[in-house]
Protein backbone atom coordinates (compact mmCIF):
# COMPACT_ATOMS: atom_id res chain seq x y z
CA ALA A 1 19.60 23.44 -22.67
CA THR A 2 22.96 21.75 -22.65
CA ARG A 3 23.43 18.18 -21.55
CA PRO A 4 25.63 17.61 -18.48
CA SER A 5 28.78 15.78 -19.51
CA ASP A 6 28.00 12.78 -17.29
CA ASP A 7 24.64 12.06 -18.96
CA PRO A 8 24.81 9.39 -21.67
CA VAL A 9 24.25 10.57 -25.23
CA PRO A 10 21.37 8.69 -26.88
CA ILE A 11 22.35 7.09 -30.20
CA THR A 12 20.20 5.04 -32.53
CA LEU A 13 22.48 2.39 -34.05
CA VAL A 14 21.15 0.85 -37.26
CA SER A 15 23.45 -1.96 -38.33
CA ILE A 16 22.88 -3.48 -41.77
CA CYS A 17 24.59 -6.84 -42.41
CA ASP A 18 25.30 -6.76 -38.70
CA GLY A 19 27.11 -10.08 -38.45
CA ILE A 20 28.18 -10.59 -34.84
CA GLY A 21 27.39 -7.04 -33.72
CA VAL A 22 30.85 -5.50 -33.80
CA ALA A 23 29.47 -1.95 -34.07
CA ARG A 24 27.44 -2.49 -30.91
CA GLU A 25 30.52 -3.89 -29.18
CA ALA A 26 32.52 -0.80 -30.20
CA LEU A 27 30.05 1.43 -28.35
CA GLU A 28 30.36 -0.55 -25.10
CA GLY A 29 31.91 1.49 -22.33
CA LEU A 30 31.32 4.82 -24.05
CA PRO A 31 29.01 7.39 -22.46
CA VAL A 32 26.19 6.59 -24.88
CA GLU A 33 22.74 5.11 -24.50
CA VAL A 34 22.20 2.86 -27.50
CA ASP A 35 18.90 2.07 -29.24
CA TYR A 36 20.22 -0.94 -31.17
CA ARG A 37 18.58 -2.11 -34.41
CA SER A 38 20.13 -4.99 -36.32
CA SER A 39 19.59 -6.35 -39.79
CA GLU A 40 21.14 -9.80 -40.07
CA VAL A 41 19.87 -13.03 -41.67
CA ASP A 42 22.38 -15.63 -40.53
CA PRO A 43 20.62 -17.62 -37.76
CA ALA A 44 23.86 -18.26 -35.84
CA CYS A 45 24.70 -14.55 -35.87
CA CYS A 46 21.18 -13.64 -34.74
CA ASP A 47 21.44 -16.13 -31.86
CA LEU A 48 24.77 -14.64 -30.82
CA LEU A 49 23.34 -11.10 -31.02
CA ASP A 50 20.41 -12.12 -28.80
CA HIS A 51 22.78 -13.74 -26.33
CA ARG A 52 25.28 -10.87 -26.11
CA HIS A 53 22.96 -7.89 -26.48
CA LYS A 54 19.64 -8.12 -24.69
CA ASP A 55 18.77 -4.67 -26.13
CA VAL A 56 18.93 -5.76 -29.79
CA ARG A 57 15.81 -5.28 -31.90
CA HIS A 58 15.90 -7.15 -35.18
CA LEU A 59 14.95 -5.40 -38.42
CA GLY A 60 15.04 -8.62 -40.44
CA ASP A 61 16.43 -9.07 -43.91
CA ALA A 62 18.01 -5.88 -45.31
CA TYR A 63 16.22 -6.43 -48.63
CA ALA A 64 12.86 -6.15 -46.82
CA ILE A 65 13.62 -2.94 -44.88
CA THR A 66 11.15 -0.23 -45.85
CA TYR A 67 10.96 3.52 -45.41
CA GLU A 68 8.06 3.02 -43.02
CA LYS A 69 10.05 0.60 -40.85
CA LEU A 70 13.02 2.99 -40.62
CA ASN A 71 10.72 5.95 -40.00
CA LYS A 72 9.50 4.20 -36.82
CA VAL A 73 13.12 3.73 -35.67
CA VAL A 74 14.23 7.38 -35.95
CA LYS A 75 13.07 9.71 -33.20
CA LYS A 76 12.78 13.47 -33.66
CA GLY A 77 16.10 15.18 -32.88
CA ALA A 78 17.93 11.86 -32.44
CA THR A 79 21.50 10.99 -33.40
CA VAL A 80 21.51 8.08 -35.85
CA LEU A 81 24.57 6.01 -36.72
CA ALA A 82 24.09 3.60 -39.62
CA VAL A 83 26.81 1.02 -40.11
CA GLY A 84 27.31 -1.78 -42.56
CA GLY A 85 29.83 -4.47 -43.20
CA THR A 86 28.42 -5.83 -46.43
CA PRO A 87 29.71 -9.25 -47.59
CA CYS A 88 33.20 -8.91 -49.02
CA ASN A 89 34.24 -12.27 -50.47
CA GLN A 90 33.10 -11.34 -54.00
CA THR A 91 34.69 -7.86 -53.83
CA ALA A 92 38.01 -8.60 -52.13
CA ALA A 93 41.09 -7.73 -54.15
CA ALA A 94 42.69 -10.88 -52.73
CA ASN A 95 39.96 -13.10 -54.23
CA LYS A 96 41.34 -13.75 -57.70
CA GLN A 97 39.16 -16.85 -58.30
CA ASN A 98 35.61 -15.64 -57.66
CA ARG A 99 35.78 -11.84 -57.59
CA VAL A 100 32.70 -10.49 -59.36
CA GLY A 101 32.61 -7.09 -57.67
CA LEU A 102 29.70 -5.29 -56.05
CA ARG A 103 27.18 -6.77 -58.48
CA GLY A 104 27.58 -10.34 -57.22
CA LYS A 105 24.69 -12.37 -55.84
CA VAL A 106 25.99 -11.96 -52.27
CA SER A 107 28.00 -8.73 -52.52
CA GLY A 108 25.06 -6.99 -54.24
CA VAL A 109 23.52 -6.34 -50.81
CA PHE A 110 25.81 -3.27 -50.90
CA PHE A 111 23.19 -1.55 -53.05
CA THR A 112 20.53 -2.36 -50.44
CA PHE A 113 22.79 -0.83 -47.78
CA VAL A 114 23.02 2.33 -49.91
CA ARG A 115 19.22 2.34 -50.32
CA CYS A 116 18.82 2.13 -46.53
CA LEU A 117 21.31 4.98 -46.07
CA HIS A 118 19.35 7.20 -48.44
CA MET A 119 16.09 6.43 -46.64
CA LEU A 120 17.65 7.10 -43.23
CA ALA A 121 19.22 10.36 -44.43
CA ASP A 122 15.85 11.57 -45.69
CA ILE A 123 14.03 10.55 -42.51
CA CYS A 124 16.67 12.19 -40.32
CA LYS A 125 16.48 15.40 -42.33
CA ARG A 126 12.68 15.50 -41.94
CA LYS A 127 12.88 14.78 -38.20
CA GLY A 128 15.78 17.10 -37.42
CA ALA A 129 18.00 14.17 -36.45
CA LEU A 130 21.76 13.97 -36.88
CA PHE A 131 22.82 11.26 -39.32
CA PHE A 132 26.19 9.56 -39.70
CA PHE A 133 27.26 6.37 -41.44
CA LEU A 134 30.22 4.02 -41.64
CA TRP A 135 30.63 1.33 -44.27
CA GLU A 136 33.38 -1.28 -44.09
CA ASN A 137 34.55 -3.92 -46.54
CA ALA A 138 37.67 -5.70 -47.77
CA GLU A 139 40.23 -3.82 -49.85
CA MET A 140 38.76 -3.82 -53.36
CA PRO A 141 39.80 -3.26 -56.93
CA ASP A 142 39.58 0.29 -58.32
CA ALA A 143 36.34 -0.40 -60.24
CA CYS A 144 34.53 -1.33 -57.00
CA VAL A 145 36.01 1.65 -55.19
CA ALA A 146 34.72 4.00 -57.91
CA ILE A 147 31.18 2.59 -57.66
CA ALA A 148 31.15 2.71 -53.85
CA GLN A 149 32.55 6.22 -53.75
CA ALA A 150 30.01 7.50 -56.28
CA LEU A 151 27.04 5.94 -54.48
CA LEU A 152 28.17 6.81 -50.95
CA GLY A 153 29.23 10.34 -51.91
CA ARG A 154 32.35 10.25 -49.76
CA ALA A 155 36.03 9.43 -50.15
CA ILE A 156 37.05 5.82 -49.74
CA HIS A 157 39.72 5.16 -47.12
CA ILE A 158 42.02 2.16 -46.84
CA VAL A 159 42.65 1.24 -43.22
CA ASP A 160 45.17 -1.33 -42.03
CA SER A 161 43.44 -3.49 -39.41
CA ALA A 162 46.77 -3.86 -37.60
CA TYR A 163 46.10 -0.47 -36.00
CA PHE A 164 43.09 -1.95 -34.19
CA THR A 165 43.57 -5.74 -34.13
CA TRP A 166 46.29 -8.37 -34.32
CA MET A 167 45.66 -8.87 -38.06
CA ARG A 168 47.39 -6.95 -40.83
CA ILE A 169 44.56 -6.75 -43.35
CA LYS A 170 43.70 -3.75 -45.46
CA ARG A 171 40.04 -2.76 -45.16
CA THR A 172 37.94 -0.31 -47.14
CA TRP A 173 36.08 2.33 -45.10
CA CYS A 174 33.72 5.10 -46.10
CA THR A 175 32.21 7.35 -43.47
CA SER A 176 30.39 10.60 -42.90
CA ILE A 177 31.72 10.77 -39.32
CA PRO A 178 33.90 13.86 -39.10
CA LEU A 179 37.31 12.51 -38.16
CA PRO A 180 40.14 14.86 -37.21
CA ARG A 181 42.84 15.14 -39.89
CA ASN A 182 45.49 13.75 -37.51
CA VAL A 183 43.42 10.57 -37.07
CA LEU A 184 43.07 10.15 -40.82
CA ASP A 185 46.78 10.80 -41.37
CA GLN A 186 47.73 8.21 -38.77
CA PHE A 187 45.50 5.31 -39.82
CA VAL A 188 44.15 5.96 -43.27
CA ARG A 189 45.19 6.20 -46.89
CA VAL A 190 42.60 8.01 -49.03
CA ARG A 191 41.76 6.30 -52.28
CA GLY A 192 39.81 7.45 -55.30
């Protein structure tokens, strides 16, 4: 059976390193029904998430997320969108003083994000669910790009934030969301 166009599409949003819930905000106003799961450890961010999004369900620290916990989140035949904005201070090309790359004490949570993606992809495959991801970070040196691209299995894109915000900051994106070529040509420079 096909879904009438006015019915909201159910999406399970799993946001790792959720921060202030920007991915959830981006879905506001769209014809989607969101099952929102957040992994964030900063108490101020968690308070803000609770205040702004009464539907948020906290997954806790990303390092403690297990296959079993994610398996309970994914419903059979669901559409799952996993997003992550892993800490970028130690990876940013602009940080010449303290740039240690993806293997830093803080930036290393990137590898946990990748672990969660692999678990979600496996669970979605077993349950016949659609799976998409989007990862965002600061513009990074080539060595970090190569690692991220190899582990995420997708091209790295450099996006100028000025297309979406008042700031002109280059950001690194990697996604499995199928974007039309004209969108990529307009906003994105492929790297790697």
